């Protein structure tokens, strides 16, 4: 887990339960649709105690009819900001004049 990922009391914030409720779906139904036998693992995801695999995250997005980044907005924002910062540092580095071999 990235140190920039925002957590609440050690938990990963997500909106799985919000979108599930908006769709009027039970935990059991969503769990079944994503491939689980019961809703216990989905409950763990909704509480932020664990993060689903990429495959399960895509399945959740499909079932809940939202892009995966909508389900984990703070994680997405944190990763995006980290990558944009890296891009900016690389761009500055690439545009820094380098001494030519003749001047060394």
PDB file of N, CA and C in Angstrom:
ATOM      1  N   UNK A   1       0.845  -1.184   0.000  1.00  0.00           N
ATOM      2  CA  UNK A   1       0.000   0.000   0.000  1.00  0.00           C
ATOM      3  C   UNK A   1       0.882   1.235   0.000  1.00  0.00           C
ATOM      4  N   UNK A   2       0.555   2.189  -0.824  1.00  0.00           N
ATOM      5  CA  UNK A   2       1.292   3.436  -0.945  1.00  0.00           C
ATOM      6  C   UNK A   2       1.106   4.283   0.301  1.00  0.00           C
ATOM      7  N   UNK A   3       2.190   4.961   0.725  1.00  0.00           N
ATOM      8  CA  UNK A   3       2.091   5.792   1.928  1.00  0.00           C
ATOM      9  C   UNK A   3       1.153   6.973   1.732  1.00  0.00           C
ATOM     10  N   UNK A   4       0.852   7.344   0.482  1.00  0.00           N
ATOM     11  CA  UNK A   4      -0.047   8.459   0.204  1.00  0.00           C
ATOM     12  C   UNK A   4      -1.512   8.051   0.173  1.00  0.00           C
ATOM     13  N   UNK A   5      -1.784   6.761   0.250  1.00  0.00           N
ATOM     14  CA  UNK A   5      -3.159   6.305   0.227  1.00  0.00           C
ATOM     15  C   UNK A   5      -3.858   6.741   1.504  1.00  0.00           C
ATOM     16  N   UNK A   6      -5.005   7.398   1.348  1.00  0.00           N
ATOM     17  CA  UNK A   6      -5.738   7.873   2.514  1.00  0.00           C
ATOM     18  C   UNK A   6      -6.503   6.730   3.144  1.00  0.00           C
ATOM     19  N   UNK A   7      -6.405   6.647   4.438  1.00  0.00           N
ATOM     20  CA  UNK A   7      -7.097   5.611   5.180  1.00  0.00           C
ATOM     21  C   UNK A   7      -7.849   6.271   6.326  1.00  0.00           C
ATOM     22  N   UNK A   8      -8.878   5.613   6.762  1.00  0.00           N
ATOM     23  CA  UNK A   8      -9.590   6.034   7.950  1.00  0.00           C
ATOM     24  C   UNK A   8      -9.375   4.931   8.972  1.00  0.00           C
ATOM     25  N   UNK A   9      -8.670   5.257  10.054  1.00  0.00           N
ATOM     26  CA  UNK A   9      -8.371   4.283  11.100  1.00  0.00           C
ATOM     27  C   UNK A   9      -7.806   3.001  10.489  1.00  0.00           C
ATOM     28  N   UNK A  10      -6.850   3.144   9.579  1.00  0.00           N
ATOM     29  CA  UNK A  10      -6.223   1.993   8.956  1.00  0.00           C
ATOM     30  C   UNK A  10      -7.056   1.327   7.884  1.00  0.00           C
ATOM     31  N   UNK A  11      -8.132   1.948   7.466  1.00  0.00           N
ATOM     32  CA  UNK A  11      -9.012   1.353   6.467  1.00  0.00           C
ATOM     33  C   UNK A  11      -8.954   2.143   5.164  1.00  0.00           C
ATOM     34  N   UNK A  12      -9.180   1.444   4.075  1.00  0.00           N
ATOM     35  CA  UNK A  12      -9.176   2.055   2.750  1.00  0.00           C
ATOM     36  C   UNK A  12     -10.585   2.532   2.446  1.00  0.00           C
ATOM     37  N   UNK A  13     -10.732   3.841   2.266  1.00  0.00           N
ATOM     38  CA  UNK A  13     -12.053   4.380   1.967  1.00  0.00           C
ATOM     39  C   UNK A  13     -12.503   3.910   0.586  1.00  0.00           C
ATOM     40  N   UNK A  14     -13.785   3.560   0.502  1.00  0.00           N
ATOM     41  CA  UNK A  14     -14.348   3.197  -0.793  1.00  0.00           C
ATOM     42  C   UNK A  14     -15.835   3.520  -0.777  1.00  0.00           C
ATOM     43  N   UNK A  15     -16.429   3.419  -1.953  1.00  0.00           N
ATOM     44  CA  UNK A  15     -17.847   3.726  -2.098  1.00  0.00           C
ATOM     45  C   UNK A  15     -18.660   2.534  -2.603  1.00  0.00           C
ATOM     46  N   UNK A  16     -18.173   1.352  -2.324  1.00  0.00           N
ATOM     47  CA  UNK A  16     -18.870   0.142  -2.784  1.00  0.00           C
ATOM     48  C   UNK A  16     -20.280   0.090  -2.211  1.00  0.00           C
ATOM     49  N   UNK A  17     -20.409   0.258  -0.909  1.00  0.00           N
ATOM     50  CA  UNK A  17     -21.732   0.189  -0.267  1.00  0.00           C
ATOM     51  C   UNK A  17     -22.652   1.290  -0.781  1.00  0.00           C
ATOM     52  N   UNK A  18     -22.107   2.484  -0.994  1.00  0.00           N
ATOM     53  CA  UNK A  18     -22.916   3.600  -1.510  1.00  0.00           C
ATOM     54  C   UNK A  18     -23.541   3.240  -2.851  1.00  0.00           C
ATOM     55  N   UNK A  19     -22.724   2.776  -3.790  1.00  0.00           N
ATOM     56  CA  UNK A  19     -23.247   2.436  -5.112  1.00  0.00           C
ATOM     57  C   UNK A  19     -24.137   1.193  -5.066  1.00  0.00           C
ATOM     58  N   UNK A  20     -23.815   0.249  -4.189  1.00  0.00           N
ATOM     59  CA  UNK A  20     -24.661  -0.932  -4.049  1.00  0.00           C
ATOM     60  C   UNK A  20     -26.060  -0.526  -3.580  1.00  0.00           C
ATOM     61  N   UNK A  21     -26.111   0.341  -2.566  1.00  0.00           N
ATOM     62  CA  UNK A  21     -27.416   0.795  -2.061  1.00  0.00           C
ATOM     63  C   UNK A  21     -28.168   1.608  -3.120  1.00  0.00           C
ATOM     64  N   UNK A  22     -27.438   2.449  -3.862  1.00  0.00           N
ATOM     65  CA  UNK A  22     -28.096   3.229  -4.927  1.00  0.00           C
ATOM     66  C   UNK A  22     -28.738   2.329  -5.967  1.00  0.00           C
ATOM     67  N   UNK A  23     -28.117   1.174  -6.214  1.00  0.00           N
ATOM     68  CA  UNK A  23     -28.671   0.220  -7.176  1.00  0.00           C
ATOM     69  C   UNK A  23     -29.775  -0.624  -6.543  1.00  0.00           C
ATOM     70  N   UNK A  24     -29.964  -0.504  -5.239  1.00  0.00           N
ATOM     71  CA  UNK A  24     -30.984  -1.290  -4.553  1.00  0.00           C
ATOM     72  C   UNK A  24     -30.627  -2.755  -4.430  1.00  0.00           C
ATOM     73  N   UNK A  25     -29.333  -3.048  -4.354  1.00  0.00           N
ATOM     74  CA  UNK A  25     -28.860  -4.432  -4.309  1.00  0.00           C
ATOM     75  C   UNK A  25     -28.418  -4.813  -2.905  1.00  0.00           C
ATOM     76  N   UNK A  26     -28.638  -6.061  -2.548  1.00  0.00           N
ATOM     77  CA  UNK A  26     -28.161  -6.575  -1.267  1.00  0.00           C
ATOM     78  C   UNK A  26     -26.695  -6.980  -1.400  1.00  0.00           C
ATOM     79  N   UNK A  27     -26.018  -7.083  -0.254  1.00  0.00           N
ATOM     80  CA  UNK A  27     -24.639  -7.580  -0.268  1.00  0.00           C
ATOM     81  C   UNK A  27     -24.591  -8.982  -0.857  1.00  0.00           C
ATOM     82  N   UNK A  28     -25.562  -9.795  -0.500  1.00  0.00           N
ATOM     83  CA  UNK A  28     -25.591 -11.179  -0.971  1.00  0.00           C
ATOM     84  C   UNK A  28     -25.685 -11.249  -2.497  1.00  0.00           C
ATOM     85  N   UNK A  29     -26.545 -10.413  -3.077  1.00  0.00           N
ATOM     86  CA  UNK A  29     -26.707 -10.418  -4.537  1.00  0.00           C
ATOM     87  C   UNK A  29     -25.424  -9.967  -5.229  1.00  0.00           C
ATOM     88  N   UNK A  30     -24.834  -8.885  -4.759  1.00  0.00           N
ATOM     89  CA  UNK A  30     -23.590  -8.396  -5.373  1.00  0.00           C
ATOM     90  C   UNK A  30     -22.492  -9.442  -5.217  1.00  0.00           C
ATOM     91  N   UNK A  31     -22.381 -10.011  -4.028  1.00  0.00           N
ATOM     92  CA  UNK A  31     -21.367 -11.039  -3.794  1.00  0.00           C
ATOM     93  C   UNK A  31     -21.539 -12.206  -4.771  1.00  0.00           C
ATOM     94  N   UNK A  32     -22.761 -12.648  -4.960  1.00  0.00           N
ATOM     95  CA  UNK A  32     -23.033 -13.747  -5.888  1.00  0.00           C
ATOM     96  C   UNK A  32     -22.666 -13.355  -7.315  1.00  0.00           C
ATOM     97  N   UNK A  33     -23.014 -12.145  -7.715  1.00  0.00           N
ATOM     98  CA  UNK A  33     -22.728 -11.694  -9.077  1.00  0.00           C
ATOM     99  C   UNK A  33     -21.231 -11.563  -9.358  1.00  0.00           C
ATOM    100  N   UNK A  34     -20.447 -11.229  -8.339  1.00  0.00           N
ATOM    101  CA  UNK A  34     -19.003 -11.126  -8.563  1.00  0.00           C
ATOM    102  C   UNK A  34     -18.284 -12.456  -8.367  1.00  0.00           C
ATOM    103  N   UNK A  35     -19.031 -13.487  -7.893  1.00  0.00           N
ATOM    104  CA  UNK A  35     -18.443 -14.813  -7.831  1.00  0.00           C
ATOM    105  C   UNK A  35     -18.186 -15.377  -6.455  1.00  0.00           C
ATOM    106  N   UNK A  36     -18.733 -14.776  -5.409  1.00  0.00           N
ATOM    107  CA  UNK A  36     -18.552 -15.291  -4.053  1.00  0.00           C
ATOM    108  C   UNK A  36     -19.762 -16.113  -3.631  1.00  0.00           C
ATOM    109  N   UNK A  37     -19.545 -17.059  -2.726  1.00  0.00           N
ATOM    110  CA  UNK A  37     -20.631 -17.919  -2.232  1.00  0.00           C
ATOM    111  C   UNK A  37     -21.483 -17.218  -1.183  1.00  0.00           C
ATOM    112  N   UNK A  38     -20.851 -16.292  -0.439  1.00  0.00           N
ATOM    113  CA  UNK A  38     -21.603 -15.535   0.569  1.00  0.00           C
ATOM    114  C   UNK A  38     -21.098 -14.095   0.565  1.00  0.00           C
ATOM    115  N   UNK A  39     -21.681 -13.286   1.419  1.00  0.00           N
ATOM    116  CA  UNK A  39     -21.381 -11.851   1.385  1.00  0.00           C
ATOM    117  C   UNK A  39     -20.260 -11.427   2.328  1.00  0.00           C
ATOM    118  N   UNK A  40     -19.610 -12.366   3.009  1.00  0.00           N
ATOM    119  CA  UNK A  40     -18.605 -11.988   4.013  1.00  0.00           C
ATOM    120  C   UNK A  40     -17.421 -11.232   3.402  1.00  0.00           C
ATOM    121  N   UNK A  41     -16.932 -11.660   2.255  1.00  0.00           N
ATOM    122  CA  UNK A  41     -15.796 -10.972   1.636  1.00  0.00           C
ATOM    123  C   UNK A  41     -16.205  -9.594   1.148  1.00  0.00           C
ATOM    124  N   UNK A  42     -17.389  -9.477   0.579  1.00  0.00           N
ATOM    125  CA  UNK A  42     -17.880  -8.166   0.154  1.00  0.00           C
ATOM    126  C   UNK A  42     -17.989  -7.229   1.350  1.00  0.00           C
ATOM    127  N   UNK A  43     -18.432  -7.738   2.466  1.00  0.00           N
ATOM    128  CA  UNK A  43     -18.528  -6.943   3.688  1.00  0.00           C
ATOM    129  C   UNK A  43     -17.154  -6.423   4.104  1.00  0.00           C
ATOM    130  N   UNK A  44     -16.154  -7.260   3.978  1.00  0.00           N
ATOM    131  CA  UNK A  44     -14.778  -6.857   4.298  1.00  0.00           C
ATOM    132  C   UNK A  44     -14.338  -5.725   3.368  1.00  0.00           C
ATOM    133  N   UNK A  45     -14.641  -5.845   2.077  1.00  0.00           N
ATOM    134  CA  UNK A  45     -14.298  -4.774   1.132  1.00  0.00           C
ATOM    135  C   UNK A  45     -15.031  -3.487   1.476  1.00  0.00           C
ATOM    136  N   UNK A  46     -16.328  -3.587   1.720  1.00  0.00           N
ATOM    137  CA  UNK A  46     -17.123  -2.397   2.013  1.00  0.00           C
ATOM    138  C   UNK A  46     -16.635  -1.686   3.268  1.00  0.00           C
ATOM    139  N   UNK A  47     -16.153  -2.440   4.235  1.00  0.00           N
ATOM    140  CA  UNK A  47     -15.670  -1.839   5.481  1.00  0.00           C
ATOM    141  C   UNK A  47     -14.278  -1.235   5.320  1.00  0.00           C
ATOM    142  N   UNK A  48     -13.614  -1.518   4.207  1.00  0.00           N
ATOM    143  CA  UNK A  48     -12.284  -0.972   3.962  1.00  0.00           C
ATOM    144  C   UNK A  48     -11.166  -1.759   4.608  1.00  0.00           C
ATOM    145  N   UNK A  49     -11.490  -2.938   5.159  1.00  0.00           N
ATOM    146  CA  UNK A  49     -10.460  -3.761   5.802  1.00  0.00           C
ATOM    147  C   UNK A  49      -9.563  -4.478   4.800  1.00  0.00           C
ATOM    148  N   UNK A  50     -10.006  -4.545   3.555  1.00  0.00           N
ATOM    149  CA  UNK A  50      -9.236  -5.187   2.499  1.00  0.00           C
ATOM    150  C   UNK A  50      -9.637  -4.566   1.171  1.00  0.00           C
ATOM    151  N   UNK A  51      -8.786  -4.725   0.192  1.00  0.00           N
ATOM    152  CA  UNK A  51      -9.068  -4.200  -1.146  1.00  0.00           C
ATOM    153  C   UNK A  51      -9.178  -5.389  -2.095  1.00  0.00           C
ATOM    154  N   UNK A  52     -10.153  -5.370  -2.993  1.00  0.00           N
ATOM    155  CA  UNK A  52     -10.331  -6.526  -3.892  1.00  0.00           C
ATOM    156  C   UNK A  52      -9.238  -6.606  -4.946  1.00  0.00           C
ATOM    157  N   UNK A  53      -9.104  -7.785  -5.512  1.00  0.00           N
ATOM    158  CA  UNK A  53      -8.195  -7.965  -6.644  1.00  0.00           C
ATOM    159  C   UNK A  53      -8.695  -7.119  -7.812  1.00  0.00           C
ATOM    160  N   UNK A  54      -7.856  -6.944  -8.798  1.00  0.00           N
ATOM    161  CA  UNK A  54      -8.256  -6.175  -9.973  1.00  0.00           C
ATOM    162  C   UNK A  54      -9.466  -6.800 -10.654  1.00  0.00           C
ATOM    163  N   UNK A  55      -9.478  -8.106 -10.781  1.00  0.00           N
ATOM    164  CA  UNK A  55     -10.613  -8.789 -11.421  1.00  0.00           C
ATOM    165  C   UNK A  55     -11.908  -8.542 -10.659  1.00  0.00           C
ATOM    166  N   UNK A  56     -11.866  -8.672  -9.342  1.00  0.00           N
ATOM    167  CA  UNK A  56     -13.067  -8.447  -8.535  1.00  0.00           C
ATOM    168  C   UNK A  56     -13.464  -6.974  -8.588  1.00  0.00           C
ATOM    169  N   UNK A  57     -12.490  -6.067  -8.592  1.00  0.00           N
ATOM    170  CA  UNK A  57     -12.807  -4.636  -8.689  1.00  0.00           C
ATOM    171  C   UNK A  57     -13.536  -4.344 -10.002  1.00  0.00           C
ATOM    172  N   UNK A  58     -13.074  -4.938 -11.097  1.00  0.00           N
ATOM    173  CA  UNK A  58     -13.770  -4.757 -12.379  1.00  0.00           C
ATOM    174  C   UNK A  58     -15.173  -5.358 -12.320  1.00  0.00           C
ATOM    175  N   UNK A  59     -15.297  -6.529 -11.726  1.00  0.00           N
ATOM    176  CA  UNK A  59     -16.617  -7.155 -11.595  1.00  0.00           C
ATOM    177  C   UNK A  59     -17.554  -6.258 -10.787  1.00  0.00           C
ATOM    178  N   UNK A  60     -17.034  -5.674  -9.691  1.00  0.00           N
ATOM    179  CA  UNK A  60     -17.851  -4.759  -8.893  1.00  0.00           C
ATOM    180  C   UNK A  60     -18.289  -3.556  -9.717  1.00  0.00           C
ATOM    181  N   UNK A  61     -17.365  -3.008 -10.495  1.00  0.00           N
ATOM    182  CA  UNK A  61     -17.709  -1.877 -11.355  1.00  0.00           C
ATOM    183  C   UNK A  61     -18.788  -2.232 -12.359  1.00  0.00           C
ATOM    184  N   UNK A  62     -18.701  -3.422 -12.917  1.00  0.00           N
ATOM    185  CA  UNK A  62     -19.699  -3.875 -13.894  1.00  0.00           C
ATOM    186  C   UNK A  62     -21.061  -4.064 -13.223  1.00  0.00           C
ATOM    187  N   UNK A  63     -21.067  -4.756 -12.087  1.00  0.00           N
ATOM    188  CA  UNK A  63     -22.323  -5.000 -11.375  1.00  0.00           C
ATOM    189  C   UNK A  63     -22.959  -3.686 -10.928  1.00  0.00           C
ATOM    190  N   UNK A  64     -22.130  -2.779 -10.409  1.00  0.00           N
ATOM    191  CA  UNK A  64     -22.644  -1.515  -9.876  1.00  0.00           C
ATOM    192  C   UNK A  64     -22.750  -0.418 -10.929  1.00  0.00           C
ATOM    193  N   UNK A  65     -22.316  -0.744 -12.151  1.00  0.00           N
ATOM    194  CA  UNK A  65     -22.431   0.150 -13.307  1.00  0.00           C
ATOM    195  C   UNK A  65     -21.718   1.487 -13.116  1.00  0.00           C
ATOM    196  N   UNK A  66     -20.505   1.400 -12.556  1.00  0.00           N
ATOM    197  CA  UNK A  66     -19.667   2.586 -12.399  1.00  0.00           C
ATOM    198  C   UNK A  66     -18.222   2.204 -12.713  1.00  0.00           C
ATOM    199  N   UNK A  67     -17.411   3.159 -13.169  1.00  0.00           N
ATOM    200  CA  UNK A  67     -15.983   2.872 -13.358  1.00  0.00           C
ATOM    201  C   UNK A  67     -15.331   2.527 -12.013  1.00  0.00           C
ATOM    202  N   UNK A  68     -14.339   1.684 -12.044  1.00  0.00           N
ATOM    203  CA  UNK A  68     -13.662   1.243 -10.826  1.00  0.00           C
ATOM    204  C   UNK A  68     -13.144   2.433 -10.019  1.00  0.00           C
ATOM    205  N   UNK A  69     -12.647   3.455 -10.682  1.00  0.00           N
ATOM    206  CA  UNK A  69     -12.111   4.603  -9.940  1.00  0.00           C
ATOM    207  C   UNK A  69     -13.193   5.327  -9.133  1.00  0.00           C
ATOM    208  N   UNK A  70     -14.457   5.160  -9.501  1.00  0.00           N
ATOM    209  CA  UNK A  70     -15.554   5.729  -8.702  1.00  0.00           C
ATOM    210  C   UNK A  70     -15.713   4.970  -7.387  1.00  0.00           C
ATOM    211  N   UNK A  71     -15.359   3.694  -7.381  1.00  0.00           N
ATOM    212  CA  UNK A  71     -15.492   2.883  -6.178  1.00  0.00           C
ATOM    213  C   UNK A  71     -14.388   3.176  -5.164  1.00  0.00           C
ATOM    214  N   UNK A  72     -13.235   3.607  -5.649  1.00  0.00           N
ATOM    215  CA  UNK A  72     -12.076   3.894  -4.795  1.00  0.00           C
ATOM    216  C   UNK A  72     -11.516   5.270  -5.141  1.00  0.00           C
ATOM    217  N   UNK A  73     -12.292   6.338  -4.960  1.00  0.00           N
ATOM    218  CA  UNK A  73     -11.869   7.655  -5.434  1.00  0.00           C
ATOM    219  C   UNK A  73     -10.624   8.201  -4.744  1.00  0.00           C
ATOM    220  N   UNK A  74     -10.470   7.978  -3.467  1.00  0.00           N
ATOM    221  CA  UNK A  74      -9.290   8.519  -2.784  1.00  0.00           C
ATOM    222  C   UNK A  74      -8.025   7.771  -3.181  1.00  0.00           C
ATOM    223  N   UNK A  75      -8.117   6.473  -3.335  1.00  0.00           N
ATOM    224  CA  UNK A  75      -6.978   5.691  -3.810  1.00  0.00           C
ATOM    225  C   UNK A  75      -6.611   6.138  -5.218  1.00  0.00           C
ATOM    226  N   UNK A  76      -7.620   6.295  -6.069  1.00  0.00           N
ATOM    227  CA  UNK A  76      -7.397   6.746  -7.441  1.00  0.00           C
ATOM    228  C   UNK A  76      -6.722   8.124  -7.449  1.00  0.00           C
ATOM    229  N   UNK A  77      -7.261   9.065  -6.669  1.00  0.00           N
ATOM    230  CA  UNK A  77      -6.692  10.419  -6.629  1.00  0.00           C
ATOM    231  C   UNK A  77      -5.255  10.403  -6.123  1.00  0.00           C
ATOM    232  N   UNK A  78      -4.991   9.603  -5.112  1.00  0.00           N
ATOM    233  CA  UNK A  78      -3.648   9.505  -4.557  1.00  0.00           C
ATOM    234  C   UNK A  78      -2.661   8.974  -5.598  1.00  0.00           C
ATOM    235  N   UNK A  79      -3.052   7.916  -6.276  1.00  0.00           N
ATOM    236  CA  UNK A  79      -2.183   7.343  -7.310  1.00  0.00           C
ATOM    237  C   UNK A  79      -1.991   8.304  -8.475  1.00  0.00           C
ATOM    238  N   UNK A  80      -3.074   8.968  -8.892  1.00  0.00           N
ATOM    239  CA  UNK A  80      -2.984   9.937  -9.985  1.00  0.00           C
ATOM    240  C   UNK A  80      -2.031  11.076  -9.611  1.00  0.00           C
ATOM    241  N   UNK A  81      -2.184  11.609  -8.408  1.00  0.00           N
ATOM    242  CA  UNK A  81      -1.315  12.710  -7.983  1.00  0.00           C
ATOM    243  C   UNK A  81       0.141  12.281  -7.898  1.00  0.00           C
ATOM    244  N   UNK A  82       0.365  11.069  -7.430  1.00  0.00           N
ATOM    245  CA  UNK A  82       1.726  10.553  -7.357  1.00  0.00           C
ATOM    246  C   UNK A  82       2.335  10.442  -8.762  1.00  0.00           C
ATOM    247  N   UNK A  83       1.584   9.907  -9.691  1.00  0.00           N
ATOM    248  CA  UNK A  83       2.097   9.735 -11.056  1.00  0.00           C
ATOM    249  C   UNK A  83       2.299  11.085 -11.735  1.00  0.00           C
ATOM    250  N   UNK A  84       1.356  12.007 -11.571  1.00  0.00           N
ATOM    251  CA  UNK A  84       1.519  13.346 -12.172  1.00  0.00           C
ATOM    252  C   UNK A  84       2.754  14.043 -11.610  1.00  0.00           C
ATOM    253  N   UNK A  85       3.006  13.869 -10.319  1.00  0.00           N
ATOM    254  CA  UNK A  85       4.210  14.436  -9.717  1.00  0.00           C
ATOM    255  C   UNK A  85       5.468  13.840 -10.318  1.00  0.00           C
ATOM    256  N   UNK A  86       5.464  12.531 -10.524  1.00  0.00           N
ATOM    257  CA  UNK A  86       6.605  11.875 -11.156  1.00  0.00           C
ATOM    258  C   UNK A  86       6.798  12.382 -12.576  1.00  0.00           C
ATOM    259  N   UNK A  87       5.692  12.553 -13.303  1.00  0.00           N
ATOM    260  CA  UNK A  87       5.783  13.075 -14.670  1.00  0.00           C
ATOM    261  C   UNK A  87       6.412  14.463 -14.679  1.00  0.00           C
ATOM    262  N   UNK A  88       5.973  15.319 -13.759  1.00  0.00           N
ATOM    263  CA  UNK A  88       6.511  16.682 -13.695  1.00  0.00           C
ATOM    264  C   UNK A  88       7.999  16.668 -13.373  1.00  0.00           C
ATOM    265  N   UNK A  89       8.402  15.819 -12.428  1.00  0.00           N
ATOM    266  CA  UNK A  89       9.836  15.735 -12.091  1.00  0.00           C
ATOM    267  C   UNK A  89      10.644  15.239 -13.276  1.00  0.00           C
ATOM    268  N   UNK A  90      10.111  14.246 -13.987  1.00  0.00           N
ATOM    269  CA  UNK A  90      10.820  13.739 -15.172  1.00  0.00           C
ATOM    270  C   UNK A  90      10.889  14.796 -16.266  1.00  0.00           C
ATOM    271  N   UNK A  91       9.800  15.548 -16.459  1.00  0.00           N
ATOM    272  CA  UNK A  91       9.794  16.604 -17.469  1.00  0.00           C
ATOM    273  C   UNK A  91      10.827  17.676 -17.141  1.00  0.00           C
ATOM    274  N   UNK A  92      10.905  18.072 -15.858  1.00  0.00           N
ATOM    275  CA  UNK A  92      11.900  19.078 -15.461  1.00  0.00           C
ATOM    276  C   UNK A  92      13.304  18.542 -15.681  1.00  0.00           C
ATOM    277  N   UNK A  93      13.511  17.292 -15.334  1.00  0.00           N
ATOM    278  CA  UNK A  93      14.824  16.667 -15.509  1.00  0.00           C
ATOM    279  C   UNK A  93      15.188  16.602 -16.992  1.00  0.00           C
ATOM    280  N   UNK A  94      14.207  16.250 -17.836  1.00  0.00           N
ATOM    281  CA  UNK A  94      14.452  16.141 -19.277  1.00  0.00           C
ATOM    282  C   UNK A  94      14.749  17.493 -19.907  1.00  0.00           C
ATOM    283  N   UNK A  95      14.232  18.567 -19.302  1.00  0.00           N
ATOM    284  CA  UNK A  95      14.442  19.904 -19.860  1.00  0.00           C
ATOM    285  C   UNK A  95      15.602  20.651 -19.215  1.00  0.00           C
ATOM    286  N   UNK A  96      16.281  20.010 -18.274  1.00  0.00           N
ATOM    287  CA  UNK A  96      17.446  20.625 -17.656  1.00  0.00           C
ATOM    288  C   UNK A  96      18.586  20.525 -18.631  1.00  0.00           C
ATOM    289  N   UNK A  97      19.233  21.659 -18.901  1.00  0.00           N
ATOM    290  CA  UNK A  97      20.364  21.597 -19.846  1.00  0.00           C
ATOM    291  C   UNK A  97      21.454  20.649 -19.324  1.00  0.00           C
ATOM    292  N   UNK A  98      21.883  19.780 -20.193  1.00  0.00           N
ATOM    293  CA  UNK A  98      22.952  18.863 -19.842  1.00  0.00           C
ATOM    294  C   UNK A  98      24.246  19.386 -20.463  1.00  0.00           C
ATOM    295  N   UNK A  99      25.339  19.263 -19.745  1.00  0.00           N
ATOM    296  CA  UNK A  99      26.614  19.736 -20.332  1.00  0.00           C
ATOM    297  C   UNK A  99      26.944  18.938 -21.578  1.00  0.00           C
ATOM    298  N   UNK A 100      27.383  19.640 -22.584  1.00  0.00           N
ATOM    299  CA  UNK A 100      27.759  18.947 -23.813  1.00  0.00           C
ATOM    300  C   UNK A 100      29.120  18.297 -23.591  1.00  0.00           C
ATOM    301  N   UNK A 101      29.420  17.232 -24.344  1.00  0.00           N
ATOM    302  CA  UNK A 101      30.717  16.551 -24.168  1.00  0.00           C
ATOM    303  C   UNK A 101      31.902  17.474 -24.401  1.00  0.00           C
ATOM    304  N   UNK A 102      31.719  18.474 -25.269  1.00  0.00           N
ATOM    305  CA  UNK A 102      32.817  19.389 -25.571  1.00  0.00           C
ATOM    306  C   UNK A 102      33.134  20.308 -24.398  1.00  0.00           C
ATOM    307  N   UNK A 103      32.118  20.639 -23.569  1.00  0.00           N
ATOM    308  CA  UNK A 103      32.334  21.595 -22.486  1.00  0.00           C
ATOM    309  C   UNK A 103      32.858  20.939 -21.213  1.00  0.00           C
ATOM    310  N   UNK A 104      32.945  19.620 -21.232  1.00  0.00           N
ATOM    311  CA  UNK A 104      33.406  18.919 -20.024  1.00  0.00           C
ATOM    312  C   UNK A 104      34.885  18.814 -19.992  1.00  0.00           C
TER     313      UNK A 104
END
